[in-house]
C-alpha atoms as a PDB file:
ATOM      1  CA  MET A   1      12.108   5.248  28.918  1.00  0.00           C
ATOM      2  CA  ALA A   2       9.703   3.892  26.714  1.00  0.00           C
ATOM      3  CA  ASP A   3       7.661   0.855  27.752  1.00  0.00           C
ATOM      4  CA  PRO A   4       8.358  -2.109  25.147  1.00  0.00           C
ATOM      5  CA  ARG A   5       4.772  -3.302  25.268  1.00  0.00           C
ATOM      6  CA  THR A   6       3.395  -0.787  24.624  1.00  0.00           C
ATOM      7  CA  GLU A   7       4.939   0.398  21.434  1.00  0.00           C
ATOM      8  CA  THR A   8       3.827  -0.257  18.115  1.00  0.00           C
ATOM      9  CA  ALA A   9       5.691  -1.060  15.238  1.00  0.00           C
ATOM     10  CA  PRO A  10       6.062   1.398  12.483  1.00  0.00           C
ATOM     11  CA  ARG A  11       2.888   2.462  10.301  1.00  0.00           C
ATOM     12  CA  ALA A  12       3.903   1.149   6.783  1.00  0.00           C
ATOM     13  CA  ASP A  13       3.282   4.690   6.024  1.00  0.00           C
ATOM     14  CA  THR A  14       5.345   6.793   7.900  1.00  0.00           C
ATOM     15  CA  ASN A  15       8.636   3.999   7.599  1.00  0.00           C
ATOM     16  CA  PRO A  16      10.678   5.371   4.866  1.00  0.00           C
ATOM     17  CA  LEU A  17      11.653   2.187   4.237  1.00  0.00           C
ATOM     18  CA  THR A  18       8.478   1.285   2.223  1.00  0.00           C
ATOM     19  CA  SER A  19       9.583   3.631  -0.602  1.00  0.00           C
ATOM     20  CA  VAL A  20      12.133   1.657  -1.795  1.00  0.00           C
ATOM     21  CA  PRO A  21      11.846  -0.359  -4.931  1.00  0.00           C
ATOM     22  CA  ILE A  22      13.310  -3.879  -4.868  1.00  0.00           C
ATOM     23  CA  GLU A  23      13.710  -6.076  -7.707  1.00  0.00           C
ATOM     24  CA  ILE A  24      11.949  -9.675  -7.659  1.00  0.00           C
ATOM     25  CA  THR A  25      13.232 -12.432 -10.278  1.00  0.00           C
ATOM     26  CA  VAL A  26      10.202 -14.466 -12.239  1.00  0.00           C
ATOM     27  CA  SER A  27      11.968 -17.485 -12.621  1.00  0.00           C
ATOM     28  CA  VAL A  28       9.964 -19.829 -15.713  1.00  0.00           C
ATOM     29  CA  GLY A  29      12.448 -22.520 -15.320  1.00  0.00           C
ATOM     30  CA  ARG A  30      15.566 -24.360 -15.897  1.00  0.00           C
ATOM     31  CA  ALA A  31      18.230 -26.170 -18.205  1.00  0.00           C
ATOM     32  CA  ARG A  32      20.525 -28.184 -18.001  1.00  0.00           C
ATOM     33  CA  PRO A  33      22.986 -28.355 -21.160  1.00  0.00           C
ATOM     34  CA  LEU A  34      25.625 -30.034 -21.772  1.00  0.00           C
ATOM     35  CA  VAL A  35      28.730 -26.871 -22.604  1.00  0.00           C
ATOM     36  CA  ARG A  36      28.950 -28.939 -25.838  1.00  0.00           C
ATOM     37  CA  ASP A  37      25.667 -28.415 -26.750  1.00  0.00           C
ATOM     38  CA  LEU A  38      25.264 -24.662 -25.406  1.00  0.00           C
ATOM     39  CA  LEU A  39      28.177 -23.538 -27.543  1.00  0.00           C
ATOM     40  CA  GLN A  40      25.537 -25.357 -30.523  1.00  0.00           C
ATOM     41  CA  LEU A  41      23.003 -22.576 -29.283  1.00  0.00           C
ATOM     42  CA  ASP A  42      22.058 -20.009 -32.446  1.00  0.00           C
ATOM     43  CA  ALA A  43      18.856 -17.609 -33.077  1.00  0.00           C
ATOM     44  CA  GLY A  44      16.199 -20.429 -33.231  1.00  0.00           C
ATOM     45  CA  SER A  45      17.294 -22.909 -31.269  1.00  0.00           C
ATOM     46  CA  VAL A  46      15.115 -24.157 -28.199  1.00  0.00           C
ATOM     47  CA  LEU A  47      16.892 -24.904 -24.934  1.00  0.00           C
ATOM     48  CA  PRO A  48      14.236 -27.220 -22.965  1.00  0.00           C
ATOM     49  CA  LEU A  49      13.337 -26.072 -19.369  1.00  0.00           C
ATOM     50  CA  ASP A  50      13.116 -28.431 -16.572  1.00  0.00           C
ATOM     51  CA  LYS A  51       8.495 -26.988 -16.054  1.00  0.00           C
ATOM     52  CA  ARG A  52       5.534 -27.833 -18.134  1.00  0.00           C
ATOM     53  CA  LEU A  53       3.913 -24.742 -19.150  1.00  0.00           C
ATOM     54  CA  GLU A  54       1.184 -24.855 -16.863  1.00  0.00           C
ATOM     55  CA  ASP A  55       3.555 -25.321 -13.660  1.00  0.00           C
ATOM     56  CA  PRO A  56       3.787 -22.520 -11.706  1.00  0.00           C
ATOM     57  CA  VAL A  57       6.392 -19.679 -11.993  1.00  0.00           C
ATOM     58  CA  GLU A  58       8.448 -18.545  -8.847  1.00  0.00           C
ATOM     59  CA  LEU A  59       8.866 -15.362  -7.595  1.00  0.00           C
ATOM     60  CA  PHE A  60      12.213 -14.400  -5.903  1.00  0.00           C
ATOM     61  CA  VAL A  61      14.165 -11.313  -4.063  1.00  0.00           C
ATOM     62  CA  GLY A  62      17.305 -12.141  -3.890  1.00  0.00           C
ATOM     63  CA  ASP A  63      18.050 -15.690  -3.229  1.00  0.00           C
ATOM     64  CA  ARG A  64      14.369 -16.398  -0.955  1.00  0.00           C
ATOM     65  CA  LEU A  65      11.464 -17.860  -3.071  1.00  0.00           C
ATOM     66  CA  ILE A  66       8.397 -15.355  -1.931  1.00  0.00           C
ATOM     67  CA  ALA A  67       5.897 -16.275  -4.494  1.00  0.00           C
ATOM     68  CA  LEU A  68       4.201 -18.320  -6.506  1.00  0.00           C
ATOM     69  CA  GLY A  69       2.450 -17.409  -9.476  1.00  0.00           C
ATOM     70  CA  VAL A  70       1.031 -18.105 -13.701  1.00  0.00           C
ATOM     71  CA  LEU A  71       1.671 -15.952 -15.879  1.00  0.00           C
ATOM     72  CA  GLU A  72      -0.579 -14.166 -18.296  1.00  0.00           C
ATOM     73  CA  VAL A  73      -0.987 -11.160 -20.529  1.00  0.00           C
ATOM     74  CA  GLN A  74      -1.746  -7.499 -18.928  1.00  0.00           C
ATOM     75  CA  ASP A  75      -5.290  -6.183 -20.690  1.00  0.00           C
ATOM     76  CA  GLU A  76      -4.625  -2.247 -19.435  1.00  0.00           C
ATOM     77  CA  GLY A  77      -2.131  -0.299 -20.350  1.00  0.00           C
ATOM     78  CA  GLU A  78       0.451  -1.278 -23.355  1.00  0.00           C
ATOM     79  CA  ARG A  79      -0.546  -4.103 -25.794  1.00  0.00           C
ATOM     80  CA  GLY A  80       1.649  -7.663 -24.737  1.00  0.00           C
ATOM     81  CA  GLN A  81       2.740  -6.361 -21.463  1.00  0.00           C
ATOM     82  CA  LEU A  82       3.465  -9.690 -19.544  1.00  0.00           C
ATOM     83  CA  ALA A  83       2.599 -10.040 -15.978  1.00  0.00           C
ATOM     84  CA  VAL A  84       2.105 -12.659 -12.770  1.00  0.00           C
ATOM     85  CA  ARG A  85      -1.104 -13.327 -11.316  1.00  0.00           C
ATOM     86  CA  LEU A  86      -0.307 -14.469  -7.293  1.00  0.00           C
ATOM     87  CA  THR A  87      -1.917 -18.218  -6.761  1.00  0.00           C
ATOM     88  CA  GLU A  88       0.689 -18.879  -3.363  1.00  0.00           C
ATOM     89  CA  VAL A  89       2.961 -15.882  -1.127  1.00  0.00           C
ATOM     90  CA  THR A  90       5.431 -17.124   1.704  1.00  0.00           C
ATOM     91  CA  ASP A  91       4.961 -15.196   5.068  1.00  0.00           C
ATOM     92  CA  LEU A  92       7.189 -12.541   4.826  1.00  0.00           C
ATOM     93  CA  LYS A  93       7.881 -11.377   8.228  1.00  0.00           C
ATOM     94  CA  ALA A  94       8.291 -14.805   9.077  1.00  0.00           C
ATOM     95  CA  ALA A  95      12.344 -14.873   9.837  1.00  0.00           C
ATOM     96  CA  GLY A  96      14.447 -16.540   6.834  1.00  0.00           C
END
């Protein structure tokens, strides 16, 4: 039987789980309109959010906050591609 003190964690590039795609949700803000106000929305309506333009966006995997960042336009590739520059990353290895 192998000694657990000498075993190492599998290398990331040999672990098959590292190639599984995940979905990251970027939250730019939230709104809590009344139902009557929501029913009056149409094309061109403005829905105020609880954040300002200079506030960081939040990145989630499921309901877990994994990072904060700022929105920017990516220079390379398709013109006008929206991207997020990470400014803070949570400890992804810590137990949630």
